[in-house]
Amino acid sequence: MLRTLCFKSSTSAPTFLNFPRASFDSPFFFSSIRRFNNHPSTMSTQKHTVSTHDGTPQITQQPLQVAKRLEKFKTTIFTQMSMLAIKHGAINLGQGFPNFDGPDFVKEAAIQAIKDGKNQYARGYGVPDFNNALAARFKKDTGLVIDPDKEVTVTSGCTEAIAATMLGLINPGDEVILFAPFYDSYEATLSMAGAKIKCITLRPPDFAVPIDELKSAISKNTRAILINTPHNPTGKMFTREELNTIASLCIENDVLVFMDEVYDKLAFEMDHISMASLPGMYERTVTMNSLGKTFSLTGWKIGWAIAPPHLTWGVRQAHSFLTFATSTPMQWAATVALRAPDSYFEELKRDYMAKKAILVQGLKDVGFKVFPSSGTYFVVVDHTPFGLENDIAFCEYLIKEVGVVAIPTSVFYLNPEDGKNLVRFTFCKDEETLRSAVERMKEKLKKK
């Protein structure tokens, strides 16, 4: 299969685009092309109707306008690919959000907050009770005592926490080190901040941190290292040894750490470790998290950033001009969620481990090479036994001929070639959906 997609342009002729980069891990599937040749034939246009002097409608075409720092992140294939999935009745194991609802006790708390009139602007950096609950959770998880008013900032999802951190603490020209594959918003937000990105590639089978590469990448211009653990898309969890080594390098070189910990309660095979809890690291760490993954309420967009006051200042300066404040009733409900008993989190982990077992064994039975996933609700596999030339061709085939959706991982790399052999499945679906997807693949997907 060709590594191209055909798009209906504003002219009568279709346009064929190569797409080595796309943005897939928002709540939208196959939502954007992120890196392609800026040839005029690929530039999007918008039809605009005007009237001539005699009143006759005339359609003119204007190029869509976007700042240069965001040009490569154009959204152009969401409609085509989502319609393709619907057309073929594909079971969606691509989207990174559950197909089941969050717990009733949290939803009821939101309803009660609305009824109680808690519907106006919240304090910019968070409803006091929620900040207190976050500080208490952070103490329980890390052992660190923090000031809920000076060191906790509530944001509109972790994505905004990431944006506020980047825009509030990174200057144009600063170097920021990412580990590829990486969550799609990192690169886009760093581009908005004018940062220079350096990338360290984590490679299968264990996706271990290549420490020597990391040491070589750090320079006098390195401002921060961004870490996601448990790691999307691989399911890797950074080990204590890896984090200790990174911490030592950061202290030695005066580098900040931005920690994305949205999957911290979905750690299956080892304990999650927060970088902020390591000796000497709290003062140089911003810890970012959200409610969505842990409570299956991704649409609420409740996130937060925890940092010492001197870093919180920058985060809050950006936050003030991004969203200013986050949904008030949802913060009250989130307060109830964070105070859930330990049994909730234990049951959550048990449920996801059962789902993971269904999908992992199924993928192995189908013939994939399945790589270990210690956390998150994702599994990465090698698709090459099935004879398709790359991950994008395989995912197209999987949708059209098999009726299952997966994500090509090349979209999570600066160099797409690094991910061309891998695809990502998610198990944040009910067990019936997972079994149905496995059965489809067993029936229709054959090795070549």
Protein backbone atom coordinates (compact mmCIF):
# COMPACT_ATOMS: atom_id res chain seq x y z
CA MET A 1 0.00 0.00 0.00
CA LEU A 2 1.13 3.51 -0.75
CA ARG A 3 2.15 5.79 2.08
CA THR A 4 -0.18 8.47 0.80
CA LEU A 5 -3.68 9.73 1.35
CA CYS A 6 -5.94 11.26 -1.25
CA PHE A 7 -7.65 14.49 -0.26
CA LYS A 8 -10.34 16.40 -2.07
CA SER A 9 -8.88 19.85 -2.43
CA SER A 10 -10.82 23.00 -3.17
CA THR A 11 -10.09 22.37 -6.85
CA SER A 12 -11.71 19.53 -8.78
CA ALA A 13 -8.61 17.38 -8.70
CA PRO A 14 -7.64 15.31 -5.66
CA THR A 15 -4.37 16.02 -3.86
CA PHE A 16 -2.08 13.21 -2.74
CA LEU A 17 -0.03 13.88 0.37
CA ASN A 18 2.72 11.98 2.10
CA PHE A 19 2.21 12.19 5.85
CA PRO A 20 5.14 11.09 7.98
CA ARG A 21 3.89 13.11 10.95
CA ALA A 22 0.39 13.45 12.35
CA SER A 23 -1.26 14.33 15.62
CA PHE A 24 -3.18 11.37 16.94
CA ASP A 25 -3.35 11.43 20.69
CA SER A 26 -5.83 14.18 21.38
CA PRO A 27 -9.41 13.01 21.94
CA PHE A 28 -9.54 13.03 18.13
CA PHE A 29 -8.47 10.16 15.94
CA PHE A 30 -6.07 10.79 13.08
CA SER A 31 -6.62 14.50 13.66
CA SER A 32 -3.77 16.24 11.87
CA ILE A 33 -0.84 16.10 9.53
CA ARG A 34 2.07 17.61 11.36
CA ARG A 35 4.95 17.50 8.95
CA PHE A 36 4.78 17.51 5.16
CA ASN A 37 6.21 19.33 2.13
CA ASN A 38 4.95 22.92 1.98
CA HIS A 39 4.28 22.74 -1.72
CA PRO A 40 1.54 25.11 -2.97
CA SER A 41 -0.54 22.12 -4.05
CA THR A 42 -0.76 20.99 -0.43
CA MET A 43 -1.80 24.33 1.03
CA SER A 44 -5.37 24.37 2.33
CA THR A 45 -7.81 26.93 1.04
CA GLN A 46 -11.08 28.28 2.36
CA LYS A 47 -13.99 29.07 0.06
CA HIS A 48 -15.53 32.50 0.59
CA THR A 49 -18.66 33.73 -1.20
CA VAL A 50 -18.84 37.39 -2.24
CA SER A 51 -21.19 39.29 -4.53
CA THR A 52 -20.11 41.06 -7.70
CA HIS A 53 -21.34 44.54 -8.63
CA ASP A 54 -24.39 43.03 -10.34
CA GLY A 55 -25.26 40.88 -7.32
CA THR A 56 -24.05 37.57 -8.82
CA PRO A 57 -22.50 35.28 -6.15
CA GLN A 58 -18.84 34.55 -6.82
CA ILE A 59 -16.73 32.05 -4.91
CA THR A 60 -13.18 33.08 -4.18
CA GLN A 61 -10.46 30.98 -2.58
CA GLN A 62 -8.19 32.24 0.19
CA PRO A 63 -5.32 30.30 1.76
CA LEU A 64 -5.87 29.40 5.40
CA GLN A 65 -3.61 31.55 7.52
CA VAL A 66 -1.51 30.37 10.44
CA ALA A 67 1.61 31.63 12.21
CA LYS A 68 4.82 30.08 10.91
CA ARG A 69 5.55 28.46 14.27
CA LEU A 70 2.41 26.32 13.78
CA GLU A 71 2.49 25.75 10.02
CA LYS A 72 3.65 22.15 10.25
CA PHE A 73 0.87 21.23 12.68
CA LYS A 74 -1.97 21.78 10.22
CA THR A 75 -5.15 19.82 10.72
CA THR A 76 -6.09 18.26 7.40
CA ILE A 77 -7.07 14.59 7.75
CA PHE A 78 -9.40 14.33 10.75
CA THR A 79 -12.59 14.17 8.68
CA GLN A 80 -11.17 11.76 6.11
CA MET A 81 -9.78 9.23 8.58
CA SER A 82 -12.63 9.33 11.09
CA MET A 83 -15.13 8.86 8.27
CA LEU A 84 -13.01 5.97 6.99
CA ALA A 85 -13.17 4.29 10.41
CA ILE A 86 -16.95 4.78 10.61
CA LYS A 87 -17.45 3.62 7.03
CA HIS A 88 -15.73 0.33 7.73
CA GLY A 89 -17.34 -0.18 11.13
CA ALA A 90 -13.91 -0.30 12.75
CA ILE A 91 -13.54 -1.05 16.46
CA ASN A 92 -11.56 1.84 17.83
CA LEU A 93 -8.51 0.75 19.83
CA GLY A 94 -6.72 3.92 18.79
CA GLN A 95 -8.28 6.76 20.75
CA GLY A 96 -6.74 7.30 24.15
CA PHE A 97 -9.90 7.69 26.18
CA PRO A 98 -12.30 5.16 27.71
CA ASN A 99 -15.53 4.02 26.07
CA PHE A 100 -17.08 3.72 29.55
CA ASP A 101 -18.10 6.40 32.02
CA GLY A 102 -16.50 7.67 35.21
CA PRO A 103 -17.69 6.79 38.73
CA ASP A 104 -21.13 7.90 39.86
CA PHE A 105 -19.93 9.45 43.12
CA VAL A 106 -17.80 11.95 41.18
CA LYS A 107 -20.48 12.77 38.63
CA GLU A 108 -23.03 13.27 41.40
CA ALA A 109 -20.65 15.66 43.13
CA ALA A 110 -20.50 17.76 39.94
CA ILE A 111 -24.28 17.86 39.69
CA GLN A 112 -24.55 18.89 43.34
CA ALA A 113 -21.95 21.65 42.86
CA ILE A 114 -23.95 23.05 39.95
CA LYS A 115 -27.17 22.91 41.99
CA ASP A 116 -25.38 24.62 44.88
CA GLY A 117 -24.59 27.58 42.65
CA LYS A 118 -20.87 27.00 42.29
CA ASN A 119 -20.95 28.21 38.71
CA GLN A 120 -19.01 31.47 38.55
CA TYR A 121 -15.30 32.03 37.94
CA ALA A 122 -13.08 30.08 40.28
CA ARG A 123 -10.00 31.60 41.83
CA GLY A 124 -7.47 31.73 38.99
CA TYR A 125 -5.14 29.08 40.36
CA GLY A 126 -7.86 26.83 41.78
CA VAL A 127 -10.78 26.39 44.16
CA PRO A 128 -9.19 26.36 47.66
CA ASP A 129 -10.66 22.98 48.65
CA PHE A 130 -9.35 21.42 45.45
CA ASN A 131 -5.87 22.88 45.95
CA ASN A 132 -5.90 21.45 49.45
CA ALA A 133 -6.94 18.04 48.15
CA LEU A 134 -4.15 18.13 45.55
CA ALA A 135 -1.57 19.02 48.20
CA ALA A 136 -2.80 16.15 50.38
CA ARG A 137 -2.64 13.69 47.49
CA PHE A 138 0.86 14.89 46.58
CA LYS A 139 2.01 14.34 50.17
CA LYS A 140 0.56 10.83 50.18
CA ASP A 141 2.16 9.98 46.84
CA THR A 142 5.57 11.60 47.32
CA GLY A 143 6.00 12.39 51.01
CA LEU A 144 6.44 16.07 50.18
CA VAL A 145 4.58 18.80 52.07
CA ILE A 146 3.64 21.69 49.78
CA ASP A 147 1.73 24.95 50.10
CA PRO A 148 -1.62 24.54 48.27
CA ASP A 149 -1.91 28.29 47.69
CA LYS A 150 1.63 28.98 46.50
CA GLU A 151 2.68 25.76 44.79
CA VAL A 152 -0.45 24.29 43.15
CA THR A 153 -2.01 25.68 39.96
CA VAL A 154 -5.23 24.19 38.61
CA THR A 155 -5.40 24.12 34.80
CA SER A 156 -7.80 23.08 32.04
CA GLY A 157 -6.44 19.57 31.68
CA CYS A 158 -2.83 18.47 31.73
CA THR A 159 -2.49 19.79 28.18
CA GLU A 160 -2.91 23.32 29.51
CA ALA A 161 -0.55 22.57 32.39
CA ILE A 162 2.01 21.58 29.76
CA ALA A 163 1.35 24.72 27.72
CA ALA A 164 1.49 27.03 30.75
CA THR A 165 4.74 25.43 31.88
CA MET A 166 6.39 25.72 28.46
CA LEU A 167 5.17 29.23 27.74
CA GLY A 168 5.79 30.45 31.27
CA LEU A 169 9.28 29.04 31.80
CA ILE A 170 10.88 28.58 28.36
CA ASN A 171 12.46 31.46 26.44
CA PRO A 172 12.98 31.54 22.66
CA GLY A 173 16.15 29.65 21.82
CA ASP A 174 16.17 27.56 25.01
CA GLU A 175 16.89 23.88 24.45
CA VAL A 176 14.39 21.34 25.75
CA ILE A 177 15.09 17.61 25.62
CA LEU A 178 12.25 15.21 24.79
CA PHE A 179 12.17 11.43 24.79
CA ALA A 180 10.69 10.03 21.58
CA PRO A 181 8.12 8.75 21.02
CA PHE A 182 6.33 11.64 22.71
CA TYR A 183 2.84 13.03 23.31
CA ASP A 184 1.91 15.27 20.41
CA SER A 185 1.31 18.53 22.27
CA TYR A 186 4.92 18.72 23.48
CA GLU A 187 6.42 19.65 20.13
CA ALA A 188 3.62 22.04 19.19
CA THR A 189 3.75 23.91 22.49
CA LEU A 190 7.53 24.12 22.43
CA SER A 191 7.29 25.54 18.91
CA MET A 192 4.94 28.22 20.23
CA ALA A 193 7.48 28.99 22.94
CA GLY A 194 10.28 29.28 20.36
CA ALA A 195 12.29 26.48 21.94
CA LYS A 196 14.92 24.35 20.27
CA ILE A 197 13.99 20.69 20.61
CA LYS A 198 16.50 17.92 21.13
CA CYS A 199 15.22 14.38 20.97
CA ILE A 200 16.45 11.20 22.64
CA THR A 201 14.90 8.08 21.10
CA LEU A 202 13.70 5.24 23.32
CA ARG A 203 13.99 1.98 21.42
CA PRO A 204 12.34 -1.43 21.79
CA PRO A 205 12.22 -3.88 23.34
CA ASP A 206 12.54 -2.18 26.74
CA PHE A 207 12.64 1.50 25.64
CA ALA A 208 15.46 2.15 28.11
CA VAL A 209 16.98 5.62 28.38
CA PRO A 210 20.29 5.78 26.46
CA ILE A 211 22.16 7.62 29.19
CA ASP A 212 25.28 8.37 27.11
CA GLU A 213 23.11 9.99 24.42
CA LEU A 214 21.36 12.05 27.05
CA LYS A 215 24.66 13.22 28.52
CA SER A 216 25.85 14.26 25.07
CA ALA A 217 22.62 16.14 24.36
CA ILE A 218 22.82 18.38 27.42
CA SER A 219 24.55 21.68 26.71
CA LYS A 220 24.93 25.10 28.31
CA ASN A 221 21.71 26.10 26.52
CA THR A 222 19.62 23.22 27.89
CA ARG A 223 16.79 24.68 29.93
CA ALA A 224 14.68 21.61 30.68
CA ILE A 225 14.09 17.89 30.17
CA LEU A 226 10.49 16.76 29.68
CA ILE A 227 9.62 13.28 30.98
CA ASN A 228 6.37 11.34 30.69
CA THR A 229 6.13 8.38 33.07
CA PRO A 230 4.27 6.07 32.80
CA HIS A 231 5.03 6.74 29.17
CA ASN A 232 2.62 7.27 26.29
CA PRO A 233 2.74 5.57 23.81
CA THR A 234 5.10 2.76 24.91
CA GLY A 235 3.80 1.96 28.40
CA LYS A 236 7.36 2.23 29.70
CA MET A 237 7.95 3.37 33.26
CA PHE A 238 11.16 5.21 33.99
CA THR A 239 13.10 3.21 36.58
CA ARG A 240 14.49 4.65 39.80
CA GLU A 241 17.99 4.18 38.40
CA GLU A 242 17.12 6.13 35.25
CA LEU A 243 15.45 8.92 37.21
CA ASN A 244 18.34 9.16 39.66
CA THR A 245 20.80 9.47 36.78
CA ILE A 246 18.68 12.13 35.06
CA ALA A 247 18.34 13.98 38.36
CA SER A 248 22.12 14.03 38.84
CA LEU A 249 22.60 15.41 35.33
CA CYS A 250 19.99 18.12 35.95
CA ILE A 251 21.56 19.22 39.22
CA GLU A 252 25.04 19.20 37.69
CA ASN A 253 23.95 21.26 34.68
CA ASP A 254 21.27 23.43 36.34
CA VAL A 255 18.46 22.00 34.20
CA LEU A 256 14.74 21.97 35.00
CA VAL A 257 12.52 18.90 34.75
CA PHE A 258 8.93 18.93 33.52
CA MET A 259 7.14 15.74 34.61
CA ASP A 260 3.95 14.58 32.89
CA GLU A 261 2.42 12.04 35.29
CA VAL A 262 -1.15 11.68 34.00
CA TYR A 263 -0.92 7.88 34.13
CA ASP A 264 0.59 7.68 37.62
CA LYS A 265 -2.33 5.60 38.97
CA LEU A 266 -2.05 3.18 36.04
CA ALA A 267 1.31 1.71 37.07
CA PHE A 268 1.07 -2.07 36.91
CA GLU A 269 4.42 -3.75 37.31
CA MET A 270 6.45 -1.30 39.36
CA ASP A 271 5.83 1.67 41.62
CA HIS A 272 5.49 5.07 40.03
CA ILE A 273 8.26 7.46 41.12
CA SER A 274 7.85 11.24 40.97
CA MET A 275 11.02 13.09 40.05
CA ALA A 276 10.10 15.80 42.55
CA SER A 277 10.51 13.29 45.38
CA LEU A 278 14.18 12.62 44.63
CA PRO A 279 16.83 14.47 46.67
CA GLY A 280 17.48 17.99 45.41
CA MET A 281 14.84 17.82 42.67
CA TYR A 282 11.70 19.46 43.99
CA GLU A 283 13.24 22.91 43.58
CA ARG A 284 13.76 22.34 39.85
CA THR A 285 10.70 20.25 38.94
CA VAL A 286 7.22 21.03 37.63
CA THR A 287 4.91 18.04 38.15
CA MET A 288 1.88 17.96 35.83
CA ASN A 289 -1.14 15.70 36.14
CA SER A 290 -4.89 15.48 35.54
CA LEU A 291 -8.11 13.85 36.65
CA GLY A 292 -9.14 12.38 33.31
CA LYS A 293 -7.18 9.13 33.08
CA THR A 294 -7.63 8.07 36.70
CA PHE A 295 -11.38 8.72 36.84
CA SER A 296 -12.35 8.09 33.19
CA LEU A 297 -13.55 11.69 32.86
CA THR A 298 -11.30 12.97 30.09
CA GLY A 299 -13.90 15.45 28.87
CA TRP A 300 -13.83 17.39 32.13
CA LYS A 301 -10.35 18.75 31.39
CA ILE A 302 -9.23 19.17 35.00
CA GLY A 303 -5.45 19.29 35.38
CA TRP A 304 -2.81 20.84 37.60
CA ALA A 305 0.84 21.80 37.90
CA ILE A 306 2.78 21.51 41.17
CA ALA A 307 6.04 23.40 41.54
CA PRO A 308 8.02 25.50 44.03
CA PRO A 309 6.99 29.17 44.18
CA HIS A 310 9.79 30.45 41.94
CA LEU A 311 8.64 28.13 39.11
CA THR A 312 4.94 28.42 39.89
CA TRP A 313 5.22 32.15 39.17
CA GLY A 314 6.04 31.52 35.51
CA VAL A 315 3.41 28.79 35.17
CA ARG A 316 0.72 31.06 36.61
CA GLN A 317 1.71 34.02 34.47
CA ALA A 318 1.07 31.94 31.35
CA HIS A 319 -2.02 30.26 32.82
CA SER A 320 -3.56 33.66 33.56
CA PHE A 321 -3.55 34.52 29.88
CA LEU A 322 -4.40 31.08 28.51
CA THR A 323 -7.56 30.16 30.42
CA PHE A 324 -7.35 32.23 33.64
CA ALA A 325 -9.55 29.74 35.50
CA THR A 326 -10.87 26.21 35.12
CA SER A 327 -14.46 24.93 35.38
CA THR A 328 -15.69 25.70 38.89
CA PRO A 329 -18.22 22.89 39.53
CA MET A 330 -15.85 20.31 38.08
CA GLN A 331 -13.14 21.42 40.52
CA TRP A 332 -15.53 20.82 43.42
CA ALA A 333 -16.31 17.36 42.04
CA ALA A 334 -12.61 16.68 41.47
CA THR A 335 -12.04 17.43 45.15
CA VAL A 336 -14.40 14.57 46.01
CA ALA A 337 -12.62 12.33 43.49
CA LEU A 338 -9.16 12.89 44.94
CA ARG A 339 -10.45 12.02 48.40
CA ALA A 340 -11.66 8.63 47.20
CA PRO A 341 -10.62 5.69 49.38
CA ASP A 342 -7.59 3.61 48.44
CA SER A 343 -9.96 0.84 47.39
CA TYR A 344 -11.02 2.90 44.35
CA PHE A 345 -7.47 3.11 43.01
CA GLU A 346 -6.81 -0.56 43.78
CA GLU A 347 -9.94 -1.61 41.88
CA LEU A 348 -9.03 0.70 38.99
CA LYS A 349 -5.67 -1.02 38.66
CA ARG A 350 -7.22 -4.50 38.85
CA ASP A 351 -9.76 -3.63 36.15
CA TYR A 352 -7.11 -2.28 33.80
CA MET A 353 -4.80 -5.22 34.39
CA ALA A 354 -7.63 -7.55 33.36
CA LYS A 355 -8.26 -5.49 30.21
CA LYS A 356 -4.55 -5.42 29.45
CA ALA A 357 -4.31 -9.21 29.78
CA ILE A 358 -7.13 -9.69 27.28
CA LEU A 359 -5.55 -7.41 24.69
CA VAL A 360 -1.92 -8.49 25.16
CA GLN A 361 -2.70 -12.21 24.92
CA GLY A 362 -4.98 -11.55 21.97
CA LEU A 363 -2.33 -9.58 20.11
CA LYS A 364 0.21 -12.33 20.72
CA ASP A 365 -2.24 -14.95 19.46
CA VAL A 366 -2.83 -12.88 16.32
CA GLY A 367 0.92 -12.87 15.62
CA PHE A 368 2.21 -9.49 16.73
CA LYS A 369 5.44 -9.05 18.60
CA VAL A 370 4.16 -7.35 21.75
CA PHE A 371 6.47 -5.15 23.80
CA PRO A 372 6.14 -4.93 27.59
CA SER A 373 3.83 -2.24 28.98
CA SER A 374 4.35 -1.48 32.66
CA GLY A 375 1.91 1.43 32.85
CA THR A 376 -0.64 3.61 31.00
CA TYR A 377 -3.42 1.91 29.04
CA PHE A 378 -1.39 1.44 25.85
CA VAL A 379 0.49 -1.45 24.26
CA VAL A 380 3.01 -1.09 21.44
CA VAL A 381 3.55 -3.91 18.96
CA ASP A 382 5.72 -4.68 15.95
CA HIS A 383 3.43 -4.99 12.92
CA THR A 384 6.08 -6.17 10.43
CA PRO A 385 5.08 -9.90 10.51
CA PHE A 386 2.05 -8.90 8.43
CA GLY A 387 4.08 -7.61 5.49
CA LEU A 388 3.00 -3.97 5.21
CA GLU A 389 5.73 -1.47 4.40
CA ASN A 390 5.23 0.86 7.37
CA ASP A 391 2.98 1.69 10.28
CA ILE A 392 0.71 4.04 8.34
CA ALA A 393 0.08 1.50 5.57
CA PHE A 394 -0.59 -1.14 8.20
CA CYS A 395 -3.09 1.03 10.10
CA GLU A 396 -4.91 1.87 6.86
CA TYR A 397 -5.12 -1.83 6.05
CA LEU A 398 -6.26 -2.64 9.58
CA ILE A 399 -9.16 -0.20 9.34
CA LYS A 400 -10.28 -1.04 5.80
CA GLU A 401 -9.77 -4.78 5.67
CA VAL A 402 -9.95 -5.89 9.31
CA GLY A 403 -12.16 -3.29 10.94
CA VAL A 404 -9.93 -2.32 13.86
CA VAL A 405 -8.29 1.02 14.59
CA ALA A 406 -4.72 1.35 15.90
CA ILE A 407 -2.32 4.29 15.91
CA PRO A 408 0.86 4.44 13.78
CA THR A 409 3.62 5.47 16.15
CA SER A 410 5.79 7.25 13.57
CA VAL A 411 3.66 10.32 14.32
CA PHE A 412 5.25 10.49 17.78
CA TYR A 413 8.82 10.92 16.52
CA LEU A 414 10.80 13.82 15.08
CA ASN A 415 12.22 11.23 12.69
CA PRO A 416 9.20 9.16 11.55
CA GLU A 417 11.46 6.35 10.35
CA ASP A 418 12.19 5.50 14.00
CA GLY A 419 8.58 4.44 14.51
CA LYS A 420 7.64 2.92 11.18
CA ASN A 421 7.65 -0.68 12.50
CA LEU A 422 5.46 0.02 15.52
CA VAL A 423 1.76 0.60 16.15
CA ARG A 424 -0.07 1.38 19.37
CA PHE A 425 -3.26 -0.18 20.70
CA THR A 426 -5.21 0.98 23.73
CA PHE A 427 -7.06 -1.19 26.25
CA CYS A 428 -9.13 1.57 27.86
CA LYS A 429 -12.23 -0.08 26.45
CA ASP A 430 -14.76 -2.49 27.93
CA GLU A 431 -13.82 -6.16 27.81
CA GLU A 432 -16.41 -7.03 25.17
CA THR A 433 -14.95 -4.41 22.81
CA LEU A 434 -11.43 -5.74 23.37
CA ARG A 435 -12.46 -9.33 22.71
CA SER A 436 -14.39 -8.35 19.59
CA ALA A 437 -11.36 -6.51 18.21
CA VAL A 438 -9.11 -9.50 18.89
CA GLU A 439 -11.55 -11.86 17.17
CA ARG A 440 -11.66 -9.63 14.08
CA MET A 441 -7.88 -9.62 13.88
CA LYS A 442 -7.67 -13.40 14.39
CA GLU A 443 -10.18 -13.91 11.58
CA LYS A 444 -8.91 -11.43 9.02
CA LEU A 445 -5.28 -10.52 9.75
CA LYS A 446 -2.80 -12.99 8.31
CA LYS A 447 0.98 -13.07 8.28
CA LYS A 448 2.64 -12.56 4.92
